[in-house]
PDB file of N, CA and C in Angstrom:
ATOM      1  N   UNK A   1      86.999  75.719  83.962  1.00  0.00           N
ATOM      2  CA  UNK A   1      86.259  74.361  83.790  1.00  0.00           C
ATOM      3  C   UNK A   1      86.623  73.959  85.412  1.00  0.00           C
ATOM      4  N   UNK A   2      84.928  73.949  86.130  1.00  0.00           N
ATOM      5  CA  UNK A   2      85.469  73.489  87.286  1.00  0.00           C
ATOM      6  C   UNK A   2      84.553  72.368  87.925  1.00  0.00           C
ATOM      7  N   UNK A   3      85.045  71.590  88.988  1.00  0.00           N
ATOM      8  CA  UNK A   3      85.048  69.645  89.045  1.00  0.00           C
ATOM      9  C   UNK A   3      84.441  70.176  90.526  1.00  0.00           C
ATOM     10  N   UNK A   4      83.552  69.239  90.955  1.00  0.00           N
ATOM     11  CA  UNK A   4      83.291  69.243  92.383  1.00  0.00           C
ATOM     12  C   UNK A   4      83.045  68.110  92.655  1.00  0.00           C
ATOM     13  N   UNK A   5      82.653  67.751  94.022  1.00  0.00           N
ATOM     14  CA  UNK A   5      82.268  66.517  94.744  1.00  0.00           C
ATOM     15  C   UNK A   5      81.367  66.924  96.143  1.00  0.00           C
ATOM     16  N   UNK A   6      80.742  66.204  96.673  1.00  0.00           N
ATOM     17  CA  UNK A   6      79.430  66.755  97.568  1.00  0.00           C
ATOM     18  C   UNK A   6      79.934  64.986  98.484  1.00  0.00           C
ATOM     19  N   UNK A   7      79.930  65.637  99.610  1.00  0.00           N
ATOM     20  CA  UNK A   7      79.128  64.315 100.382  1.00  0.00           C
ATOM     21  C   UNK A   7      78.346  64.842 101.857  1.00  0.00           C
ATOM     22  N   UNK A   8      77.374  64.512 101.439  1.00  0.00           N
ATOM     23  CA  UNK A   8      76.896  65.076 102.738  1.00  0.00           C
ATOM     24  C   UNK A   8      76.040  64.118 103.691  1.00  0.00           C
ATOM     25  N   UNK A   9      75.736  64.641 105.116  1.00  0.00           N
ATOM     26  CA  UNK A   9      75.373  63.457 106.451  1.00  0.00           C
ATOM     27  C   UNK A   9      76.479  62.827 106.816  1.00  0.00           C
ATOM     28  N   UNK A  10      77.153  64.000 106.661  1.00  0.00           N
ATOM     29  CA  UNK A  10      79.160  63.088 107.335  1.00  0.00           C
ATOM     30  C   UNK A  10      78.986  62.872 108.724  1.00  0.00           C
ATOM     31  N   UNK A  11      79.175  62.416 109.396  1.00  0.00           N
ATOM     32  CA  UNK A  11      79.047  62.341 111.010  1.00  0.00           C
ATOM     33  C   UNK A  11      80.740  63.025 111.920  1.00  0.00           C
ATOM     34  N   UNK A  12      80.576  63.711 111.267  1.00  0.00           N
ATOM     35  CA  UNK A  12      81.482  65.345 112.019  1.00  0.00           C
ATOM     36  C   UNK A  12      80.956  66.450 112.061  1.00  0.00           C
ATOM     37  N   UNK A  13      81.266  67.169 113.236  1.00  0.00           N
ATOM     38  CA  UNK A  13      81.119  68.693 112.926  1.00  0.00           C
ATOM     39  C   UNK A  13      81.116  69.141 112.500  1.00  0.00           C
ATOM     40  N   UNK A  14      80.575  70.144 112.038  1.00  0.00           N
ATOM     41  CA  UNK A  14      80.837  71.134 111.112  1.00  0.00           C
ATOM     42  C   UNK A  14      82.478  72.157 111.706  1.00  0.00           C
ATOM     43  N   UNK A  15      81.974  72.565 113.078  1.00  0.00           N
ATOM     44  CA  UNK A  15      83.385  73.262 113.365  1.00  0.00           C
ATOM     45  C   UNK A  15      84.325  72.449 113.148  1.00  0.00           C
ATOM     46  N   UNK A  16      84.602  71.442 113.698  1.00  0.00           N
ATOM     47  CA  UNK A  16      85.777  70.493 113.314  1.00  0.00           C
ATOM     48  C   UNK A  16      86.706  70.076 111.967  1.00  0.00           C
ATOM     49  N   UNK A  17      85.235  70.273 111.518  1.00  0.00           N
ATOM     50  CA  UNK A  17      85.766  69.944 109.599  1.00  0.00           C
ATOM     51  C   UNK A  17      86.162  71.285 109.121  1.00  0.00           C
ATOM     52  N   UNK A  18      85.871  72.258 109.204  1.00  0.00           N
ATOM     53  CA  UNK A  18      86.138  73.676 108.934  1.00  0.00           C
ATOM     54  C   UNK A  18      87.500  74.254 109.341  1.00  0.00           C
ATOM     55  N   UNK A  19      88.093  73.100 110.464  1.00  0.00           N
ATOM     56  CA  UNK A  19      89.632  73.615 110.710  1.00  0.00           C
ATOM     57  C   UNK A  19      90.280  72.345 109.204  1.00  0.00           C
ATOM     58  N   UNK A  20      90.281  71.156 108.985  1.00  0.00           N
ATOM     59  CA  UNK A  20      91.029  70.951 108.116  1.00  0.00           C
ATOM     60  C   UNK A  20      90.412  71.183 106.848  1.00  0.00           C
ATOM     61  N   UNK A  21      89.241  71.738 106.064  1.00  0.00           N
ATOM     62  CA  UNK A  21      88.863  72.528 105.324  1.00  0.00           C
ATOM     63  C   UNK A  21      90.219  74.118 104.739  1.00  0.00           C
ATOM     64  N   UNK A  22      90.465  74.542 105.635  1.00  0.00           N
ATOM     65  CA  UNK A  22      90.730  75.335 105.875  1.00  0.00           C
ATOM     66  C   UNK A  22      92.739  75.054 105.653  1.00  0.00           C
ATOM     67  N   UNK A  23      92.907  73.990 105.770  1.00  0.00           N
ATOM     68  CA  UNK A  23      94.383  73.536 105.551  1.00  0.00           C
ATOM     69  C   UNK A  23      94.290  73.323 104.152  1.00  0.00           C
ATOM     70  N   UNK A  24      93.206  73.109 103.512  1.00  0.00           N
ATOM     71  CA  UNK A  24      93.778  72.756 101.753  1.00  0.00           C
ATOM     72  C   UNK A  24      93.068  73.372 100.949  1.00  0.00           C
ATOM     73  N   UNK A  25      92.096  74.812 101.256  1.00  0.00           N
ATOM     74  CA  UNK A  25      92.220  75.724 100.606  1.00  0.00           C
ATOM     75  C   UNK A  25      93.177  76.383  99.270  1.00  0.00           C
ATOM     76  N   UNK A  26      92.899  76.502  98.771  1.00  0.00           N
ATOM     77  CA  UNK A  26      94.219  77.153  97.576  1.00  0.00           C
ATOM     78  C   UNK A  26      95.038  75.924  97.155  1.00  0.00           C
ATOM     79  N   UNK A  27      95.331  75.098  97.614  1.00  0.00           N
ATOM     80  CA  UNK A  27      96.535  74.103  97.464  1.00  0.00           C
ATOM     81  C   UNK A  27      96.071  73.436  96.172  1.00  0.00           C
ATOM     82  N   UNK A  28      97.349  72.999  96.095  1.00  0.00           N
ATOM     83  CA  UNK A  28      97.278  72.061  94.538  1.00  0.00           C
ATOM     84  C   UNK A  28      97.426  70.556  95.485  1.00  0.00           C
ATOM     85  N   UNK A  29      96.090  69.563  94.088  1.00  0.00           N
ATOM     86  CA  UNK A  29      95.346  68.698  94.684  1.00  0.00           C
ATOM     87  C   UNK A  29      96.789  67.371  95.016  1.00  0.00           C
ATOM     88  N   UNK A  30      98.318  67.645  94.526  1.00  0.00           N
ATOM     89  CA  UNK A  30      99.307  66.633  94.910  1.00  0.00           C
ATOM     90  C   UNK A  30      99.380  67.311  96.876  1.00  0.00           C
ATOM     91  N   UNK A  31      99.427  68.441  97.054  1.00  0.00           N
ATOM     92  CA  UNK A  31      99.853  69.106  97.968  1.00  0.00           C
ATOM     93  C   UNK A  31      98.734  68.881  99.140  1.00  0.00           C
ATOM     94  N   UNK A  32      97.536  68.708  98.771  1.00  0.00           N
ATOM     95  CA  UNK A  32      96.164  68.959  99.438  1.00  0.00           C
ATOM     96  C   UNK A  32      96.261  67.528 100.286  1.00  0.00           C
ATOM     97  N   UNK A  33      96.633  66.310  99.204  1.00  0.00           N
ATOM     98  CA  UNK A  33      97.137  64.889  99.494  1.00  0.00           C
ATOM     99  C   UNK A  33      97.711  64.470 100.696  1.00  0.00           C
ATOM    100  N   UNK A  34      98.773  65.629 100.405  1.00  0.00           N
ATOM    101  CA  UNK A  34     100.032  64.976 101.497  1.00  0.00           C
ATOM    102  C   UNK A  34      99.533  65.514 102.741  1.00  0.00           C
ATOM    103  N   UNK A  35      98.940  66.648 102.797  1.00  0.00           N
ATOM    104  CA  UNK A  35      98.786  67.387 104.006  1.00  0.00           C
ATOM    105  C   UNK A  35      97.296  67.026 104.727  1.00  0.00           C
ATOM    106  N   UNK A  36      96.598  65.845 104.142  1.00  0.00           N
ATOM    107  CA  UNK A  36      95.461  65.110 104.760  1.00  0.00           C
ATOM    108  C   UNK A  36      95.945  63.849 105.094  1.00  0.00           C
ATOM    109  N   UNK A  37      97.408  63.512 104.576  1.00  0.00           N
ATOM    110  CA  UNK A  37      97.562  62.008 104.890  1.00  0.00           C
ATOM    111  C   UNK A  37      98.210  62.068 106.027  1.00  0.00           C
ATOM    112  N   UNK A  38      98.609  63.415 106.369  1.00  0.00           N
ATOM    113  CA  UNK A  38      99.530  63.517 107.575  1.00  0.00           C
ATOM    114  C   UNK A  38      98.623  64.410 109.059  1.00  0.00           C
ATOM    115  N   UNK A  39      97.643  64.654 108.333  1.00  0.00           N
ATOM    116  CA  UNK A  39      96.397  65.622 109.256  1.00  0.00           C
ATOM    117  C   UNK A  39      96.513  64.630 110.524  1.00  0.00           C
ATOM    118  N   UNK A  40      96.276  65.033 111.940  1.00  0.00           N
ATOM    119  CA  UNK A  40      96.022  64.350 112.966  1.00  0.00           C
ATOM    120  C   UNK A  40      94.520  64.650 113.232  1.00  0.00           C
ATOM    121  N   UNK A  41      93.458  64.470 112.348  1.00  0.00           N
ATOM    122  CA  UNK A  41      92.183  64.847 112.658  1.00  0.00           C
ATOM    123  C   UNK A  41      91.483  63.498 111.870  1.00  0.00           C
ATOM    124  N   UNK A  42      89.894  63.309 112.435  1.00  0.00           N
ATOM    125  CA  UNK A  42      89.747  62.217 111.998  1.00  0.00           C
ATOM    126  C   UNK A  42      89.233  62.012 110.740  1.00  0.00           C
ATOM    127  N   UNK A  43      88.357  63.276 110.678  1.00  0.00           N
ATOM    128  CA  UNK A  43      87.478  64.339 109.216  1.00  0.00           C
ATOM    129  C   UNK A  43      88.855  63.902 108.114  1.00  0.00           C
ATOM    130  N   UNK A  44      89.646  63.834 108.817  1.00  0.00           N
ATOM    131  CA  UNK A  44      90.714  64.175 106.838  1.00  0.00           C
ATOM    132  C   UNK A  44      90.663  62.843 106.432  1.00  0.00           C
ATOM    133  N   UNK A  45      90.636  61.873 106.693  1.00  0.00           N
ATOM    134  CA  UNK A  45      90.234  60.412 105.955  1.00  0.00           C
ATOM    135  C   UNK A  45      88.506  61.238 104.952  1.00  0.00           C
ATOM    136  N   UNK A  46      87.979  61.438 105.335  1.00  0.00           N
ATOM    137  CA  UNK A  46      86.769  61.552 104.576  1.00  0.00           C
ATOM    138  C   UNK A  46      87.155  62.750 104.168  1.00  0.00           C
ATOM    139  N   UNK A  47      87.963  64.047 104.219  1.00  0.00           N
ATOM    140  CA  UNK A  47      88.676  64.682 102.891  1.00  0.00           C
ATOM    141  C   UNK A  47      89.142  63.933 102.168  1.00  0.00           C
ATOM    142  N   UNK A  48      90.711  63.023 102.132  1.00  0.00           N
ATOM    143  CA  UNK A  48      90.781  62.590 101.234  1.00  0.00           C
ATOM    144  C   UNK A  48      89.972  61.845 100.176  1.00  0.00           C
ATOM    145  N   UNK A  49      89.148  60.975 100.858  1.00  0.00           N
ATOM    146  CA  UNK A  49      88.272  60.532  99.920  1.00  0.00           C
ATOM    147  C   UNK A  49      87.237  61.258  98.866  1.00  0.00           C
ATOM    148  N   UNK A  50      87.023  62.484  99.307  1.00  0.00           N
ATOM    149  CA  UNK A  50      85.855  63.172  98.758  1.00  0.00           C
ATOM    150  C   UNK A  50      87.537  64.366  97.734  1.00  0.00           C
ATOM    151  N   UNK A  51      88.474  64.557  97.454  1.00  0.00           N
ATOM    152  CA  UNK A  51      89.132  64.691  96.918  1.00  0.00           C
ATOM    153  C   UNK A  51      89.726  64.071  95.850  1.00  0.00           C
ATOM    154  N   UNK A  52      89.799  62.307  96.529  1.00  0.00           N
ATOM    155  CA  UNK A  52      90.084  61.400  95.351  1.00  0.00           C
ATOM    156  C   UNK A  52      88.747  61.708  94.624  1.00  0.00           C
ATOM    157  N   UNK A  53      87.463  61.813  94.681  1.00  0.00           N
ATOM    158  CA  UNK A  53      86.435  61.393  94.195  1.00  0.00           C
ATOM    159  C   UNK A  53      86.147  62.650  93.355  1.00  0.00           C
ATOM    160  N   UNK A  54      86.457  63.976  93.410  1.00  0.00           N
ATOM    161  CA  UNK A  54      86.473  64.707  92.850  1.00  0.00           C
ATOM    162  C   UNK A  54      87.770  64.744  91.844  1.00  0.00           C
ATOM    163  N   UNK A  55      88.745  64.199  92.176  1.00  0.00           N
ATOM    164  CA  UNK A  55      90.023  63.860  91.052  1.00  0.00           C
ATOM    165  C   UNK A  55      89.444  63.141  89.764  1.00  0.00           C
ATOM    166  N   UNK A  56      88.240  62.052  90.645  1.00  0.00           N
ATOM    167  CA  UNK A  56      88.143  61.115  89.773  1.00  0.00           C
ATOM    168  C   UNK A  56      86.932  61.480  88.338  1.00  0.00           C
ATOM    169  N   UNK A  57      85.977  62.719  89.061  1.00  0.00           N
ATOM    170  CA  UNK A  57      85.154  63.093  88.666  1.00  0.00           C
ATOM    171  C   UNK A  57      85.792  63.930  87.163  1.00  0.00           C
ATOM    172  N   UNK A  58      86.969  65.062  87.510  1.00  0.00           N
ATOM    173  CA  UNK A  58      87.398  65.814  86.397  1.00  0.00           C
ATOM    174  C   UNK A  58      88.131  64.557  85.292  1.00  0.00           C
ATOM    175  N   UNK A  59      88.733  63.594  85.622  1.00  0.00           N
ATOM    176  CA  UNK A  59      89.185  62.828  84.525  1.00  0.00           C
ATOM    177  C   UNK A  59      88.075  62.247  83.692  1.00  0.00           C
ATOM    178  N   UNK A  60      87.042  61.597  84.552  1.00  0.00           N
ATOM    179  CA  UNK A  60      85.921  60.909  83.472  1.00  0.00           C
ATOM    180  C   UNK A  60      85.268  61.639  83.140  1.00  0.00           C
ATOM    181  N   UNK A  61      84.326  63.325  83.928  1.00  0.00           N
ATOM    182  CA  UNK A  61      83.368  63.279  82.887  1.00  0.00           C
ATOM    183  C   UNK A  61      84.155  64.608  82.433  1.00  0.00           C
ATOM    184  N   UNK A  62      85.213  65.657  82.672  1.00  0.00           N
ATOM    185  CA  UNK A  62      85.836  67.044  82.058  1.00  0.00           C
ATOM    186  C   UNK A  62      86.998  66.349  81.023  1.00  0.00           C
ATOM    187  N   UNK A  63      86.986  64.508  81.147  1.00  0.00           N
ATOM    188  CA  UNK A  63      88.400  64.662  80.569  1.00  0.00           C
ATOM    189  C   UNK A  63      89.497  65.336  80.619  1.00  0.00           C
ATOM    190  N   UNK A  64      90.177  65.189  82.435  1.00  0.00           N
ATOM    191  CA  UNK A  64      91.015  66.679  82.265  1.00  0.00           C
ATOM    192  C   UNK A  64      92.220  65.511  81.973  1.00  0.00           C
ATOM    193  N   UNK A  65      93.278  66.437  81.337  1.00  0.00           N
ATOM    194  CA  UNK A  65      94.702  65.350  80.855  1.00  0.00           C
ATOM    195  C   UNK A  65      95.219  65.216  81.776  1.00  0.00           C
ATOM    196  N   UNK A  66      95.729  66.129  82.621  1.00  0.00           N
ATOM    197  CA  UNK A  66      96.433  66.446  83.548  1.00  0.00           C
ATOM    198  C   UNK A  66      96.108  66.848  84.893  1.00  0.00           C
ATOM    199  N   UNK A  67      96.130  65.915  85.803  1.00  0.00           N
ATOM    200  CA  UNK A  67      95.241  65.908  86.940  1.00  0.00           C
ATOM    201  C   UNK A  67      96.179  67.242  88.061  1.00  0.00           C
ATOM    202  N   UNK A  68      97.873  67.177  87.777  1.00  0.00           N
ATOM    203  CA  UNK A  68      98.651  67.319  87.976  1.00  0.00           C
ATOM    204  C   UNK A  68      98.220  69.229  88.240  1.00  0.00           C
ATOM    205  N   UNK A  69      98.219  69.446  87.339  1.00  0.00           N
ATOM    206  CA  UNK A  69      97.280  71.348  86.964  1.00  0.00           C
ATOM    207  C   UNK A  69      95.393  71.495  87.968  1.00  0.00           C
ATOM    208  N   UNK A  70      95.567  70.659  88.380  1.00  0.00           N
ATOM    209  CA  UNK A  70      93.804  70.957  89.474  1.00  0.00           C
ATOM    210  C   UNK A  70      94.430  71.592  90.576  1.00  0.00           C
ATOM    211  N   UNK A  71      93.695  72.567  91.102  1.00  0.00           N
ATOM    212  CA  UNK A  71      93.545  73.155  92.249  1.00  0.00           C
ATOM    213  C   UNK A  71      92.566  73.378  92.764  1.00  0.00           C
ATOM    214  N   UNK A  72      92.688  73.656  94.399  1.00  0.00           N
ATOM    215  CA  UNK A  72      91.472  73.359  95.515  1.00  0.00           C
ATOM    216  C   UNK A  72      90.997  74.914  95.434  1.00  0.00           C
ATOM    217  N   UNK A  73      89.817  74.534  94.356  1.00  0.00           N
ATOM    218  CA  UNK A  73      89.339  76.117  94.371  1.00  0.00           C
ATOM    219  C   UNK A  73      88.685  76.656  95.459  1.00  0.00           C
ATOM    220  N   UNK A  74      87.764  75.963  96.224  1.00  0.00           N
ATOM    221  CA  UNK A  74      86.993  75.906  97.374  1.00  0.00           C
ATOM    222  C   UNK A  74      86.875  74.542  98.053  1.00  0.00           C
ATOM    223  N   UNK A  75      86.662  75.323  99.340  1.00  0.00           N
ATOM    224  CA  UNK A  75      86.108  74.191  99.997  1.00  0.00           C
ATOM    225  C   UNK A  75      85.300  74.452 100.946  1.00  0.00           C
ATOM    226  N   UNK A  76      83.258  73.916 101.249  1.00  0.00           N
ATOM    227  CA  UNK A  76      82.539  74.720 101.945  1.00  0.00           C
ATOM    228  C   UNK A  76      82.429  73.423 102.876  1.00  0.00           C
ATOM    229  N   UNK A  77      82.127  73.666 104.060  1.00  0.00           N
ATOM    230  CA  UNK A  77      81.139  72.990 105.152  1.00  0.00           C
ATOM    231  C   UNK A  77      80.375  73.686 105.770  1.00  0.00           C
ATOM    232  N   UNK A  78      79.282  72.760 105.516  1.00  0.00           N
ATOM    233  CA  UNK A  78      77.754  73.567 105.748  1.00  0.00           C
ATOM    234  C   UNK A  78      77.437  72.186 107.016  1.00  0.00           C
ATOM    235  N   UNK A  79      76.490  73.111 108.229  1.00  0.00           N
ATOM    236  CA  UNK A  79      75.724  72.077 108.095  1.00  0.00           C
ATOM    237  C   UNK A  79      74.553  71.181 108.185  1.00  0.00           C
ATOM    238  N   UNK A  80      74.643  70.093 108.540  1.00  0.00           N
ATOM    239  CA  UNK A  80      74.030  68.986 108.274  1.00  0.00           C
ATOM    240  C   UNK A  80      72.698  69.054 109.338  1.00  0.00           C
ATOM    241  N   UNK A  81      71.504  67.821 109.488  1.00  0.00           N
ATOM    242  CA  UNK A  81      70.809  67.519 110.323  1.00  0.00           C
ATOM    243  C   UNK A  81      71.508  67.752 111.612  1.00  0.00           C
ATOM    244  N   UNK A  82      70.827  67.730 112.332  1.00  0.00           N
ATOM    245  CA  UNK A  82      71.331  66.995 113.652  1.00  0.00           C
ATOM    246  C   UNK A  82      70.778  66.402 114.159  1.00  0.00           C
ATOM    247  N   UNK A  83      71.010  64.414 114.764  1.00  0.00           N
ATOM    248  CA  UNK A  83      70.324  64.036 115.618  1.00  0.00           C
ATOM    249  C   UNK A  83      70.440  63.995 117.140  1.00  0.00           C
ATOM    250  N   UNK A  84      69.274  64.143 117.300  1.00  0.00           N
ATOM    251  CA  UNK A  84      69.057  64.189 119.135  1.00  0.00           C
ATOM    252  C   UNK A  84      68.882  62.863 119.213  1.00  0.00           C
ATOM    253  N   UNK A  85      69.504  62.944 120.481  1.00  0.00           N
ATOM    254  CA  UNK A  85      69.341  61.543 121.526  1.00  0.00           C
ATOM    255  C   UNK A  85      69.287  62.335 123.047  1.00  0.00           C
ATOM    256  N   UNK A  86      69.316  61.373 123.786  1.00  0.00           N
ATOM    257  CA  UNK A  86      69.147  62.276 125.476  1.00  0.00           C
ATOM    258  C   UNK A  86      69.997  61.074 126.307  1.00  0.00           C
ATOM    259  N   UNK A  87      70.272  61.235 127.425  1.00  0.00           N
ATOM    260  CA  UNK A  87      70.927  60.708 128.117  1.00  0.00           C
ATOM    261  C   UNK A  87      70.548  60.297 130.020  1.00  0.00           C
ATOM    262  N   UNK A  88      70.267  59.840 130.269  1.00  0.00           N
ATOM    263  CA  UNK A  88      69.521  59.502 131.679  1.00  0.00           C
ATOM    264  C   UNK A  88      70.269  59.830 132.410  1.00  0.00           C
ATOM    265  N   UNK A  89      69.761  60.912 133.060  1.00  0.00           N
ATOM    266  CA  UNK A  89      70.718  61.728 134.470  1.00  0.00           C
ATOM    267  C   UNK A  89      69.816  61.414 135.827  1.00  0.00           C
ATOM    268  N   UNK A  90      70.484  61.457 136.679  1.00  0.00           N
ATOM    269  CA  UNK A  90      69.500  61.001 138.559  1.00  0.00           C
ATOM    270  C   UNK A  90      68.265  62.287 138.444  1.00  0.00           C
ATOM    271  N   UNK A  91      67.586  61.567 139.299  1.00  0.00           N
ATOM    272  CA  UNK A  91      66.434  61.983 139.573  1.00  0.00           C
ATOM    273  C   UNK A  91      65.397  61.913 138.418  1.00  0.00           C
ATOM    274  N   UNK A  92      65.562  61.049 137.403  1.00  0.00           N
ATOM    275  CA  UNK A  92      64.512  60.368 136.131  1.00  0.00           C
ATOM    276  C   UNK A  92      64.661  61.289 135.234  1.00  0.00           C
ATOM    277  N   UNK A  93      65.576  62.204 135.407  1.00  0.00           N
ATOM    278  CA  UNK A  93      66.102  63.644 134.597  1.00  0.00           C
ATOM    279  C   UNK A  93      66.762  62.905 133.244  1.00  0.00           C
ATOM    280  N   UNK A  94      66.677  63.737 132.435  1.00  0.00           N
ATOM    281  CA  UNK A  94      67.335  63.486 130.898  1.00  0.00           C
ATOM    282  C   UNK A  94      67.917  64.255 130.486  1.00  0.00           C
ATOM    283  N   UNK A  95      69.614  64.475 129.650  1.00  0.00           N
ATOM    284  CA  UNK A  95      69.756  65.595 129.310  1.00  0.00           C
ATOM    285  C   UNK A  95      70.098  65.410 127.579  1.00  0.00           C
ATOM    286  N   UNK A  96      69.784  66.440 127.029  1.00  0.00           N
ATOM    287  CA  UNK A  96      70.135  66.060 125.551  1.00  0.00           C
ATOM    288  C   UNK A  96      71.239  65.976 124.935  1.00  0.00           C
ATOM    289  N   UNK A  97      71.583  64.832 123.902  1.00  0.00           N
ATOM    290  CA  UNK A  97      72.911  64.814 123.271  1.00  0.00           C
ATOM    291  C   UNK A  97      72.372  65.272 121.458  1.00  0.00           C
ATOM    292  N   UNK A  98      73.394  66.355 121.142  1.00  0.00           N
ATOM    293  CA  UNK A  98      72.763  66.836 119.686  1.00  0.00           C
ATOM    294  C   UNK A  98      74.322  65.953 119.066  1.00  0.00           C
ATOM    295  N   UNK A  99      73.675  65.062 118.316  1.00  0.00           N
ATOM    296  CA  UNK A  99      74.976  64.842 116.942  1.00  0.00           C
ATOM    297  C   UNK A  99      75.053  65.308 116.055  1.00  0.00           C
ATOM    298  N   UNK A 100      75.670  66.403 115.380  1.00  0.00           N
ATOM    299  CA  UNK A 100      75.812  66.970 114.597  1.00  0.00           C
ATOM    300  C   UNK A 100      76.367  65.998 113.192  1.00  0.00           C
ATOM    301  N   UNK A 101      75.963  66.736 112.047  1.00  0.00           N
ATOM    302  CA  UNK A 101      76.754  66.318 110.776  1.00  0.00           C
ATOM    303  C   UNK A 101      76.600  66.967 110.126  1.00  0.00           C
ATOM    304  N   UNK A 102      77.414  67.775 109.058  1.00  0.00           N
ATOM    305  CA  UNK A 102      78.329  68.714 108.002  1.00  0.00           C
ATOM    306  C   UNK A 102      77.892  68.159 106.463  1.00  0.00           C
ATOM    307  N   UNK A 103      77.745  68.493 105.805  1.00  0.00           N
ATOM    308  CA  UNK A 103      77.438  68.497 104.385  1.00  0.00           C
ATOM    309  C   UNK A 103      79.090  69.213 103.916  1.00  0.00           C
ATOM    310  N   UNK A 104      79.718  68.800 103.025  1.00  0.00           N
ATOM    311  CA  UNK A 104      81.136  68.999 102.993  1.00  0.00           C
ATOM    312  C   UNK A 104      81.045  68.844 101.064  1.00  0.00           C
ATOM    313  N   UNK A 105      81.698  70.010 100.125  1.00  0.00           N
ATOM    314  CA  UNK A 105      81.467  70.079  98.949  1.00  0.00           C
ATOM    315  C   UNK A 105      82.991  70.922  98.682  1.00  0.00           C
ATOM    316  N   UNK A 106      83.804  70.017  97.399  1.00  0.00           N
ATOM    317  CA  UNK A 106      84.645  70.449  97.142  1.00  0.00           C
ATOM    318  C   UNK A 106      85.142  70.880  95.897  1.00  0.00           C
ATOM    319  N   UNK A 107      85.194  72.002  95.463  1.00  0.00           N
ATOM    320  CA  UNK A 107      85.506  72.271  94.169  1.00  0.00           C
ATOM    321  C   UNK A 107      87.323  72.572  93.249  1.00  0.00           C
ATOM    322  N   UNK A 108      86.974  71.908  92.411  1.00  0.00           N
ATOM    323  CA  UNK A 108      88.621  72.125  91.786  1.00  0.00           C
ATOM    324  C   UNK A 108      88.408  72.601  89.959  1.00  0.00           C
ATOM    325  N   UNK A 109      89.608  73.288  90.021  1.00  0.00           N
ATOM    326  CA  UNK A 109      89.787  74.177  88.794  1.00  0.00           C
ATOM    327  C   UNK A 109      91.091  74.032  88.119  1.00  0.00           C
ATOM    328  N   UNK A 110      91.596  74.292  87.117  1.00  0.00           N
ATOM    329  CA  UNK A 110      92.482  74.363  86.612  1.00  0.00           C
ATOM    330  C   UNK A 110      93.849  74.949  86.655  1.00  0.00           C
ATOM    331  N   UNK A 111      94.997  75.580  86.825  1.00  0.00           N
ATOM    332  CA  UNK A 111      95.590  76.388  87.471  1.00  0.00           C
ATOM    333  C   UNK A 111      95.237  77.730  85.994  1.00  0.00           C
TER     334      UNK A 111
END
C-alpha cells in the first residue's frame, strides 16, 4: 500500500530541490523529518510540509495504524513551468530572466 502527496509549481529550481530529495530517499519517516528540520536549504521547509501531508493522507485515506512503519519509497522532482521575465540592460537592451518551478512528489510505503 503506497501513499503519495504532490505539490506543483513550487518556486524553486529542480536542481536545488533534487539535492534535498536525495537526503530523504529511502529513509524512515521520522528520520526524514529530522533531516529536513536541520537541512540548510530553503526548499527543505516545502519538503517538510509535503511529507506531513503524505503522512496525513496515509492516516486518513488508507487508515494506516502505525505511522512509524512508513518509509519514503521514492521522491521525484520534475521540472515545472518557467516564468520568463526580462531585466533592462545598457543601450536599451534586455536580458532574459528564467524563474524556474518544480513539481515534487513523495511516495510513502510500509516496511
